[in-house]
Amino acid sequence: YHAIGWFRQAPGKERERVSCTSSGGRIYYADSVKGR
């Protein structure tokens, strides 16, 4: 009953959402990692 997200934080950069999956199973990817 949760959405799950993966985030990353690099030195000197803003926190970025890499990927997430919603409670309904829908999946999203950041453009920078899509396909990888």
PDB file of all heavy atoms in Angstrom:
ATOM      1  N   TYR A   1       0.823  -1.205   0.000  1.00  0.00           N
ATOM      2  CA  TYR A   1       0.000   0.000   0.000  1.00  0.00           C
ATOM      3  C   TYR A   1       0.863   1.262   0.000  1.00  0.00           C
ATOM      4  O   TYR A   1       0.468   2.291   0.565  1.00  0.00           O
ATOM      5  CB  TYR A   1      -0.943  -0.016   1.198  1.00  0.00           C
ATOM      6  CG  TYR A   1      -1.854  -1.217   1.210  1.00  0.00           C
ATOM      7  CD1 TYR A   1      -1.620  -2.282   2.067  1.00  0.00           C
ATOM      8  CD2 TYR A   1      -2.938  -1.290   0.340  1.00  0.00           C
ATOM      9  CE1 TYR A   1      -2.446  -3.392   2.067  1.00  0.00           C
ATOM     10  CE2 TYR A   1      -3.766  -2.396   0.336  1.00  0.00           C
ATOM     11  CZ  TYR A   1      -3.521  -3.446   1.199  1.00  0.00           C
ATOM     12  OH  TYR A   1      -4.340  -4.549   1.198  1.00  0.00           O
ATOM     13  N   HIS A   2       1.989   1.177  -0.644  1.00  0.00           N
ATOM     14  CA  HIS A   2       2.906   2.302  -0.715  1.00  0.00           C
ATOM     15  C   HIS A   2       3.417   2.504  -2.132  1.00  0.00           C
ATOM     16  O   HIS A   2       3.488   1.565  -2.926  1.00  0.00           O
ATOM     17  CB  HIS A   2       4.110   2.067   0.207  1.00  0.00           C
ATOM     18  CG  HIS A   2       3.788   2.111   1.656  1.00  0.00           C
ATOM     19  ND1 HIS A   2       3.141   1.083   2.301  1.00  0.00           N
ATOM     20  CD2 HIS A   2       4.017   3.071   2.589  1.00  0.00           C
ATOM     21  CE1 HIS A   2       2.988   1.388   3.571  1.00  0.00           C
ATOM     22  NE2 HIS A   2       3.518   2.589   3.773  1.00  0.00           N
ATOM     23  N   ALA A   3       3.742   3.738  -2.427  1.00  0.00           N
ATOM     24  CA  ALA A   3       4.580   4.036  -3.574  1.00  0.00           C
ATOM     25  C   ALA A   3       6.042   3.978  -3.140  1.00  0.00           C
ATOM     26  O   ALA A   3       6.373   4.362  -2.014  1.00  0.00           O
ATOM     27  CB  ALA A   3       4.253   5.418  -4.131  1.00  0.00           C
ATOM     28  N   ILE A   4       6.893   3.503  -4.020  1.00  0.00           N
ATOM     29  CA  ILE A   4       8.314   3.388  -3.729  1.00  0.00           C
ATOM     30  C   ILE A   4       9.097   4.195  -4.758  1.00  0.00           C
ATOM     31  O   ILE A   4       8.855   4.063  -5.961  1.00  0.00           O
ATOM     32  CB  ILE A   4       8.790   1.929  -3.745  1.00  0.00           C
ATOM     33  CG1 ILE A   4       7.957   1.082  -2.781  1.00  0.00           C
ATOM     34  CG2 ILE A   4      10.271   1.849  -3.398  1.00  0.00           C
ATOM     35  CD1 ILE A   4       8.087   1.496  -1.334  1.00  0.00           C
ATOM     36  N   GLY A   5      10.019   4.990  -4.275  1.00  0.00           N
ATOM     37  CA  GLY A   5      10.860   5.777  -5.156  1.00  0.00           C
ATOM     38  C   GLY A   5      12.328   5.522  -4.902  1.00  0.00           C
ATOM     39  O   GLY A   5      12.737   5.238  -3.770  1.00  0.00           O
ATOM     40  N   TRP A   6      13.112   5.600  -5.965  1.00  0.00           N
ATOM     41  CA  TRP A   6      14.567   5.603  -5.877  1.00  0.00           C
ATOM     42  C   TRP A   6      15.057   7.002  -6.213  1.00  0.00           C
ATOM     43  O   TRP A   6      14.666   7.579  -7.242  1.00  0.00           O
ATOM     44  CB  TRP A   6      15.187   4.593  -6.826  1.00  0.00           C
ATOM     45  CG  TRP A   6      15.124   3.174  -6.353  1.00  0.00           C
ATOM     46  CD1 TRP A   6      14.233   2.221  -6.706  1.00  0.00           C
ATOM     47  CD2 TRP A   6      16.033   2.550  -5.425  1.00  0.00           C
ATOM     48  NE1 TRP A   6      14.513   1.036  -6.073  1.00  0.00           N
ATOM     49  CE2 TRP A   6      15.611   1.214  -5.278  1.00  0.00           C
ATOM     50  CE3 TRP A   6      17.148   2.987  -4.711  1.00  0.00           C
ATOM     51  CZ2 TRP A   6      16.265   0.306  -4.440  1.00  0.00           C
ATOM     52  CZ3 TRP A   6      17.795   2.084  -3.881  1.00  0.00           C
ATOM     53  CH2 TRP A   6      17.353   0.763  -3.754  1.00  0.00           C
ATOM     54  N   PHE A   7      15.909   7.527  -5.360  1.00  0.00           N
ATOM     55  CA  PHE A   7      16.478   8.852  -5.522  1.00  0.00           C
ATOM     56  C   PHE A   7      17.989   8.762  -5.458  1.00  0.00           C
ATOM     57  O   PHE A   7      18.539   7.798  -4.930  1.00  0.00           O
ATOM     58  CB  PHE A   7      15.979   9.801  -4.425  1.00  0.00           C
ATOM     59  CG  PHE A   7      14.499  10.015  -4.426  1.00  0.00           C
ATOM     60  CD1 PHE A   7      13.641   9.088  -3.854  1.00  0.00           C
ATOM     61  CD2 PHE A   7      13.953  11.155  -4.999  1.00  0.00           C
ATOM     62  CE1 PHE A   7      12.273   9.285  -3.848  1.00  0.00           C
ATOM     63  CE2 PHE A   7      12.581  11.364  -4.997  1.00  0.00           C
ATOM     64  CZ  PHE A   7      11.745  10.431  -4.426  1.00  0.00           C
ATOM     65  N   ARG A   8      18.643   9.777  -5.983  1.00  0.00           N
ATOM     66  CA  ARG A   8      20.091   9.845  -5.844  1.00  0.00           C
ATOM     67  C   ARG A   8      20.524  11.275  -5.573  1.00  0.00           C
ATOM     68  O   ARG A   8      19.878  12.231  -6.000  1.00  0.00           O
ATOM     69  CB  ARG A   8      20.805   9.289  -7.078  1.00  0.00           C
ATOM     70  CG  ARG A   8      20.582  10.064  -8.362  1.00  0.00           C
ATOM     71  CD  ARG A   8      21.211   9.308  -9.523  1.00  0.00           C
ATOM     72  NE  ARG A   8      21.064  10.019 -10.789  1.00  0.00           N
ATOM     73  CZ  ARG A   8      21.402   9.516 -11.968  1.00  0.00           C
ATOM     74  NH1 ARG A   8      21.914   8.281 -12.043  1.00  0.00           N
ATOM     75  NH2 ARG A   8      21.236  10.238 -13.073  1.00  0.00           N
ATOM     76  N   GLN A   9      21.620  11.390  -4.842  1.00  0.00           N
ATOM     77  CA  GLN A   9      22.182  12.676  -4.484  1.00  0.00           C
ATOM     78  C   GLN A   9      23.682  12.638  -4.743  1.00  0.00           C
ATOM     79  O   GLN A   9      24.398  11.874  -4.107  1.00  0.00           O
ATOM     80  CB  GLN A   9      21.912  12.994  -3.008  1.00  0.00           C
ATOM     81  CG  GLN A   9      22.509  14.303  -2.537  1.00  0.00           C
ATOM     82  CD  GLN A   9      21.721  15.489  -3.012  1.00  0.00           C
ATOM     83  OE1 GLN A   9      20.542  15.657  -2.671  1.00  0.00           O
ATOM     84  NE2 GLN A   9      22.357  16.320  -3.824  1.00  0.00           N
ATOM     85  N   ALA A  10      24.127  13.441  -5.674  1.00  0.00           N
ATOM     86  CA  ALA A  10      25.542  13.573  -5.969  1.00  0.00           C
ATOM     87  C   ALA A  10      26.064  14.854  -5.352  1.00  0.00           C
ATOM     88  O   ALA A  10      25.315  15.826  -5.202  1.00  0.00           O
ATOM     89  CB  ALA A  10      25.780  13.575  -7.474  1.00  0.00           C
ATOM     90  N   PRO A  11      27.343  14.897  -4.983  1.00  0.00           N
ATOM     91  CA  PRO A  11      27.898  16.115  -4.389  1.00  0.00           C
ATOM     92  C   PRO A  11      27.698  17.324  -5.288  1.00  0.00           C
ATOM     93  O   PRO A  11      27.987  17.277  -6.490  1.00  0.00           O
ATOM     94  CB  PRO A  11      29.382  15.781  -4.229  1.00  0.00           C
ATOM     95  CG  PRO A  11      29.422  14.294  -4.136  1.00  0.00           C
ATOM     96  CD  PRO A  11      28.328  13.816  -5.050  1.00  0.00           C
ATOM     97  N   GLY A  12      27.181  18.393  -4.709  1.00  0.00           N
ATOM     98  CA  GLY A  12      26.971  19.619  -5.445  1.00  0.00           C
ATOM     99  C   GLY A  12      25.765  19.625  -6.357  1.00  0.00           C
ATOM    100  O   GLY A  12      25.582  20.590  -7.107  1.00  0.00           O
ATOM    101  N   LYS A  13      24.954  18.592  -6.307  1.00  0.00           N
ATOM    102  CA  LYS A  13      23.788  18.509  -7.169  1.00  0.00           C
ATOM    103  C   LYS A  13      22.518  18.346  -6.352  1.00  0.00           C
ATOM    104  O   LYS A  13      22.552  17.904  -5.202  1.00  0.00           O
ATOM    105  CB  LYS A  13      23.924  17.350  -8.154  1.00  0.00           C
ATOM    106  CG  LYS A  13      25.050  17.500  -9.166  1.00  0.00           C
ATOM    107  CD  LYS A  13      25.024  16.376 -10.181  1.00  0.00           C
ATOM    108  CE  LYS A  13      26.097  16.551 -11.229  1.00  0.00           C
ATOM    109  NZ  LYS A  13      26.067  15.458 -12.237  1.00  0.00           N
ATOM    110  N   GLU A  14      21.414  18.698  -6.970  1.00  0.00           N
ATOM    111  CA  GLU A  14      20.117  18.511  -6.339  1.00  0.00           C
ATOM    112  C   GLU A  14      19.762  17.031  -6.290  1.00  0.00           C
ATOM    113  O   GLU A  14      20.195  16.234  -7.130  1.00  0.00           O
ATOM    114  CB  GLU A  14      19.040  19.273  -7.105  1.00  0.00           C
ATOM    115  CG  GLU A  14      19.209  20.778  -7.125  1.00  0.00           C
ATOM    116  CD  GLU A  14      18.856  21.404  -5.803  1.00  0.00           C
ATOM    117  OE1 GLU A  14      18.054  20.810  -5.053  1.00  0.00           O
ATOM    118  OE2 GLU A  14      19.377  22.486  -5.502  1.00  0.00           O
ATOM    119  N   ARG A  15      18.962  16.678  -5.294  1.00  0.00           N
ATOM    120  CA  ARG A  15      18.452  15.331  -5.229  1.00  0.00           C
ATOM    121  C   ARG A  15      17.559  15.071  -6.436  1.00  0.00           C
ATOM    122  O   ARG A  15      16.733  15.916  -6.810  1.00  0.00           O
ATOM    123  CB  ARG A  15      17.675  15.113  -3.933  1.00  0.00           C
ATOM    124  CG  ARG A  15      17.231  13.676  -3.717  1.00  0.00           C
ATOM    125  CD  ARG A  15      16.487  13.525  -2.401  1.00  0.00           C
ATOM    126  NE  ARG A  15      15.251  14.275  -2.391  1.00  0.00           N
ATOM    127  CZ  ARG A  15      14.528  14.510  -1.304  1.00  0.00           C
ATOM    128  NH1 ARG A  15      14.948  14.051  -0.117  1.00  0.00           N
ATOM    129  NH2 ARG A  15      13.404  15.197  -1.388  1.00  0.00           N
ATOM    130  N   GLU A  16      17.719  13.924  -7.028  1.00  0.00           N
ATOM    131  CA  GLU A  16      17.028  13.577  -8.251  1.00  0.00           C
ATOM    132  C   GLU A  16      16.231  12.296  -8.062  1.00  0.00           C
ATOM    133  O   GLU A  16      16.740  11.319  -7.512  1.00  0.00           O
ATOM    134  CB  GLU A  16      18.032  13.394  -9.399  1.00  0.00           C
ATOM    135  CG  GLU A  16      17.421  12.941 -10.712  1.00  0.00           C
ATOM    136  CD  GLU A  16      18.458  12.606 -11.763  1.00  0.00           C
ATOM    137  OE1 GLU A  16      19.626  12.355 -11.396  1.00  0.00           O
ATOM    138  OE2 GLU A  16      18.117  12.595 -12.963  1.00  0.00           O
ATOM    139  N   ARG A  17      15.003  12.307  -8.515  1.00  0.00           N
ATOM    140  CA  ARG A  17      14.222  11.082  -8.526  1.00  0.00           C
ATOM    141  C   ARG A  17      14.625  10.261  -9.736  1.00  0.00           C
ATOM    142  O   ARG A  17      14.488  10.706 -10.877  1.00  0.00           O
ATOM    143  CB  ARG A  17      12.723  11.369  -8.555  1.00  0.00           C
ATOM    144  CG  ARG A  17      11.870  10.119  -8.304  1.00  0.00           C
ATOM    145  CD  ARG A  17      10.385  10.395  -8.454  1.00  0.00           C
ATOM    146  NE  ARG A  17      10.004  10.540  -9.847  1.00  0.00           N
ATOM    147  CZ  ARG A  17       8.778  10.840 -10.254  1.00  0.00           C
ATOM    148  NH1 ARG A  17       7.814  11.058  -9.366  1.00  0.00           N
ATOM    149  NH2 ARG A  17       8.526  10.947 -11.551  1.00  0.00           N
ATOM    150  N   VAL A  18      15.092   9.073  -9.478  1.00  0.00           N
ATOM    151  CA  VAL A  18      15.572   8.190 -10.528  1.00  0.00           C
ATOM    152  C   VAL A  18      14.435   7.365 -11.105  1.00  0.00           C
ATOM    153  O   VAL A  18      14.293   7.228 -12.326  1.00  0.00           O
ATOM    154  CB  VAL A  18      16.687   7.273  -9.998  1.00  0.00           C
ATOM    155  CG1 VAL A  18      17.103   6.251 -11.049  1.00  0.00           C
ATOM    156  CG2 VAL A  18      17.886   8.107  -9.556  1.00  0.00           C
ATOM    157  N   SER A  19      13.633   6.805 -10.222  1.00  0.00           N
ATOM    158  CA  SER A  19      12.554   5.927 -10.633  1.00  0.00           C
ATOM    159  C   SER A  19      11.546   5.827  -9.506  1.00  0.00           C
ATOM    160  O   SER A  19      11.863   6.096  -8.343  1.00  0.00           O
ATOM    161  CB  SER A  19      13.091   4.526 -10.994  1.00  0.00           C
ATOM    162  OG  SER A  19      12.050   3.656 -11.400  1.00  0.00           O
ATOM    163  N   CYS A  20      10.341   5.446  -9.834  1.00  0.00           N
ATOM    164  CA  CYS A  20       9.327   5.206  -8.815  1.00  0.00           C
ATOM    165  C   CYS A  20       8.297   4.243  -9.346  1.00  0.00           C
ATOM    166  O   CYS A  20       8.140   4.074 -10.557  1.00  0.00           O
ATOM    167  CB  CYS A  20       8.661   6.509  -8.354  1.00  0.00           C
ATOM    168  SG  CYS A  20       7.778   7.402  -9.641  1.00  0.00           S
ATOM    169  N   THR A  21       7.609   3.610  -8.415  1.00  0.00           N
ATOM    170  CA  THR A  21       6.482   2.756  -8.749  1.00  0.00           C
ATOM    171  C   THR A  21       5.337   3.099  -7.808  1.00  0.00           C
ATOM    172  O   THR A  21       5.524   3.210  -6.596  1.00  0.00           O
ATOM    173  CB  THR A  21       6.846   1.264  -8.669  1.00  0.00           C
ATOM    174  OG1 THR A  21       5.701   0.469  -8.977  1.00  0.00           O
ATOM    175  CG2 THR A  21       7.370   0.885  -7.293  1.00  0.00           C
ATOM    176  N   SER A  22       4.169   3.285  -8.355  1.00  0.00           N
ATOM    177  CA  SER A  22       3.007   3.677  -7.577  1.00  0.00           C
ATOM    178  C   SER A  22       2.319   2.459  -6.982  1.00  0.00           C
ATOM    179  O   SER A  22       2.647   1.311  -7.287  1.00  0.00           O
ATOM    180  CB  SER A  22       2.033   4.465  -8.456  1.00  0.00           C
ATOM    181  OG  SER A  22       1.379   3.603  -9.369  1.00  0.00           O
ATOM    182  N   SER A  23       1.336   2.717  -6.117  1.00  0.00           N
ATOM    183  CA  SER A  23       0.580   1.628  -5.517  1.00  0.00           C
ATOM    184  C   SER A  23      -0.188   0.830  -6.556  1.00  0.00           C
ATOM    185  O   SER A  23      -0.504  -0.339  -6.322  1.00  0.00           O
ATOM    186  CB  SER A  23      -0.390   2.179  -4.467  1.00  0.00           C
ATOM    187  OG  SER A  23      -1.357   3.032  -5.061  1.00  0.00           O
ATOM    188  N   GLY A  24      -0.499   1.451  -7.673  1.00  0.00           N
ATOM    189  CA  GLY A  24      -1.161   0.765  -8.762  1.00  0.00           C
ATOM    190  C   GLY A  24      -0.212   0.075  -9.722  1.00  0.00           C
ATOM    191  O   GLY A  24      -0.672  -0.450 -10.744  1.00  0.00           O
ATOM    192  N   GLY A  25       1.079   0.080  -9.414  1.00  0.00           N
ATOM    193  CA  GLY A  25       2.049  -0.631 -10.226  1.00  0.00           C
ATOM    194  C   GLY A  25       2.574   0.143 -11.415  1.00  0.00           C
ATOM    195  O   GLY A  25       3.312  -0.420 -12.234  1.00  0.00           O
ATOM    196  N   ARG A  26       2.218   1.407 -11.527  1.00  0.00           N
ATOM    197  CA  ARG A  26       2.736   2.200 -12.633  1.00  0.00           C
ATOM    198  C   ARG A  26       4.171   2.611 -12.347  1.00  0.00           C
ATOM    199  O   ARG A  26       4.496   2.998 -11.223  1.00  0.00           O
ATOM    200  CB  ARG A  26       1.862   3.429 -12.862  1.00  0.00           C
ATOM    201  CG  ARG A  26       2.066   4.118 -14.202  1.00  0.00           C
ATOM    202  CD  ARG A  26       1.597   3.242 -15.362  1.00  0.00           C
ATOM    203  NE  ARG A  26       0.175   2.935 -15.277  1.00  0.00           N
ATOM    204  CZ  ARG A  26      -0.777   3.681 -15.834  1.00  0.00           C
ATOM    205  NH1 ARG A  26      -0.465   4.780 -16.518  1.00  0.00           N
ATOM    206  NH2 ARG A  26      -2.038   3.320 -15.716  1.00  0.00           N
ATOM    207  N   ILE A  27       5.025   2.536 -13.346  1.00  0.00           N
ATOM    208  CA  ILE A  27       6.455   2.769 -13.196  1.00  0.00           C
ATOM    209  C   ILE A  27       6.878   3.974 -14.015  1.00  0.00           C
ATOM    210  O   ILE A  27       6.430   4.154 -15.155  1.00  0.00           O
ATOM    211  CB  ILE A  27       7.248   1.518 -13.619  1.00  0.00           C
ATOM    212  CG1 ILE A  27       6.959   0.362 -12.669  1.00  0.00           C
ATOM    213  CG2 ILE A  27       8.738   1.810 -13.676  1.00  0.00           C
ATOM    214  CD1 ILE A  27       7.568  -0.954 -13.098  1.00  0.00           C
ATOM    215  N   TYR A  28       7.776   4.779 -13.435  1.00  0.00           N
ATOM    216  CA  TYR A  28       8.301   5.960 -14.097  1.00  0.00           C
ATOM    217  C   TYR A  28       9.814   5.998 -13.930  1.00  0.00           C
ATOM    218  O   TYR A  28      10.353   5.551 -12.917  1.00  0.00           O
ATOM    219  CB  TYR A  28       7.680   7.236 -13.524  1.00  0.00           C
ATOM    220  CG  TYR A  28       6.186   7.295 -13.687  1.00  0.00           C
ATOM    221  CD1 TYR A  28       5.352   6.773 -12.709  1.00  0.00           C
ATOM    222  CD2 TYR A  28       5.614   7.862 -14.817  1.00  0.00           C
ATOM    223  CE1 TYR A  28       3.980   6.808 -12.858  1.00  0.00           C
ATOM    224  CE2 TYR A  28       4.242   7.904 -14.972  1.00  0.00           C
ATOM    225  CZ  TYR A  28       3.430   7.379 -13.994  1.00  0.00           C
ATOM    226  OH  TYR A  28       2.065   7.423 -14.148  1.00  0.00           O
ATOM    227  N   TYR A  29      10.487   6.557 -14.932  1.00  0.00           N
ATOM    228  CA  TYR A  29      11.925   6.713 -14.907  1.00  0.00           C
ATOM    229  C   TYR A  29      12.307   8.127 -15.299  1.00  0.00           C
ATOM    230  O   TYR A  29      11.658   8.749 -16.142  1.00  0.00           O
ATOM    231  CB  TYR A  29      12.613   5.753 -15.877  1.00  0.00           C
ATOM    232  CG  TYR A  29      12.420   4.290 -15.557  1.00  0.00           C
ATOM    233  CD1 TYR A  29      11.469   3.535 -16.228  1.00  0.00           C
ATOM    234  CD2 TYR A  29      13.198   3.666 -14.590  1.00  0.00           C
ATOM    235  CE1 TYR A  29      11.289   2.192 -15.941  1.00  0.00           C
ATOM    236  CE2 TYR A  29      13.022   2.325 -14.294  1.00  0.00           C
ATOM    237  CZ  TYR A  29      12.065   1.594 -14.974  1.00  0.00           C
ATOM    238  OH  TYR A  29      11.896   0.259 -14.681  1.00  0.00           O
ATOM    239  N   ALA A  30      13.366   8.607 -14.690  1.00  0.00           N
ATOM    240  CA  ALA A  30      13.950   9.856 -15.142  1.00  0.00           C
ATOM    241  C   ALA A  30      14.535   9.665 -16.534  1.00  0.00           C
ATOM    242  O   ALA A  30      15.028   8.591 -16.881  1.00  0.00           O
ATOM    243  CB  ALA A  30      15.033  10.327 -14.175  1.00  0.00           C
ATOM    244  N   ASP A  31      14.487  10.722 -17.337  1.00  0.00           N
ATOM    245  CA  ASP A  31      15.018  10.628 -18.689  1.00  0.00           C
ATOM    246  C   ASP A  31      16.487  10.218 -18.702  1.00  0.00           C
ATOM    247  O   ASP A  31      16.937   9.529 -19.625  1.00  0.00           O
ATOM    248  CB  ASP A  31      14.845  11.954 -19.416  1.00  0.00           C
ATOM    249  CG  ASP A  31      13.405  12.250 -19.768  1.00  0.00           C
ATOM    250  OD1 ASP A  31      12.589  11.307 -19.793  1.00  0.00           O
ATOM    251  OD2 ASP A  31      13.084  13.426 -20.024  1.00  0.00           O
ATOM    252  N   SER A  32      17.221  10.611 -17.685  1.00  0.00           N
ATOM    253  CA  SER A  32      18.644  10.335 -17.645  1.00  0.00           C
ATOM    254  C   SER A  32      18.974   8.856 -17.474  1.00  0.00           C
ATOM    255  O   SER A  32      20.096   8.440 -17.772  1.00  0.00           O
ATOM    256  CB  SER A  32      19.306  11.141 -16.520  1.00  0.00           C
ATOM    257  OG  SER A  32      18.718  10.831 -15.268  1.00  0.00           O
ATOM    258  N   VAL A  33      18.018   8.065 -17.012  1.00  0.00           N
ATOM    259  CA  VAL A  33      18.270   6.643 -16.774  1.00  0.00           C
ATOM    260  C   VAL A  33      17.369   5.744 -17.594  1.00  0.00           C
ATOM    261  O   VAL A  33      17.537   4.515 -17.562  1.00  0.00           O
ATOM    262  CB  VAL A  33      18.136   6.280 -15.282  1.00  0.00           C
ATOM    263  CG1 VAL A  33      18.997   7.198 -14.427  1.00  0.00           C
ATOM    264  CG2 VAL A  33      16.680   6.341 -14.834  1.00  0.00           C
ATOM    265  N   LYS A  34      16.442   6.309 -18.314  1.00  0.00           N
ATOM    266  CA  LYS A  34      15.490   5.519 -19.081  1.00  0.00           C
ATOM    267  C   LYS A  34      16.221   4.638 -20.090  1.00  0.00           C
ATOM    268  O   LYS A  34      17.097   5.096 -20.816  1.00  0.00           O
ATOM    269  CB  LYS A  34      14.494   6.440 -19.781  1.00  0.00           C
ATOM    270  CG  LYS A  34      13.253   5.743 -20.308  1.00  0.00           C
ATOM    271  CD  LYS A  34      12.220   6.766 -20.788  1.00  0.00           C
ATOM    272  CE  LYS A  34      11.742   7.648 -19.654  1.00  0.00           C
ATOM    273  NZ  LYS A  34      10.705   8.620 -20.087  1.00  0.00           N
ATOM    274  N   GLY A  35      15.841   3.382 -20.113  1.00  0.00           N
ATOM    275  CA  GLY A  35      16.481   2.419 -20.981  1.00  0.00           C
ATOM    276  C   GLY A  35      17.676   1.727 -20.375  1.00  0.00           C
ATOM    277  O   GLY A  35      18.155   0.728 -20.929  1.00  0.00           O
ATOM    278  N   ARG A  36      18.169   2.235 -19.253  1.00  0.00           N
ATOM    279  CA  ARG A  36      19.319   1.637 -18.580  1.00  0.00           C
ATOM    280  C   ARG A  36      18.970   1.050 -17.220  1.00  0.00           C
ATOM    281  O   ARG A  36      19.558   0.050 -16.812  1.00  0.00           O
ATOM    282  CB  ARG A  36      20.433   2.671 -18.406  1.00  0.00           C
ATOM    283  CG  ARG A  36      20.948   3.253 -19.719  1.00  0.00           C
ATOM    284  CD  ARG A  36      22.166   4.145 -19.494  1.00  0.00           C
ATOM    285  NE  ARG A  36      21.858   5.298 -18.651  1.00  0.00           N
ATOM    286  CZ  ARG A  36      22.424   5.546 -17.481  1.00  0.00           C
ATOM    287  NH1 ARG A  36      23.344   4.716 -16.996  1.00  0.00           N
ATOM    288  NH2 ARG A  36      22.093   6.628 -16.792  1.00  0.00           N
TER     289      ARG A  36
END
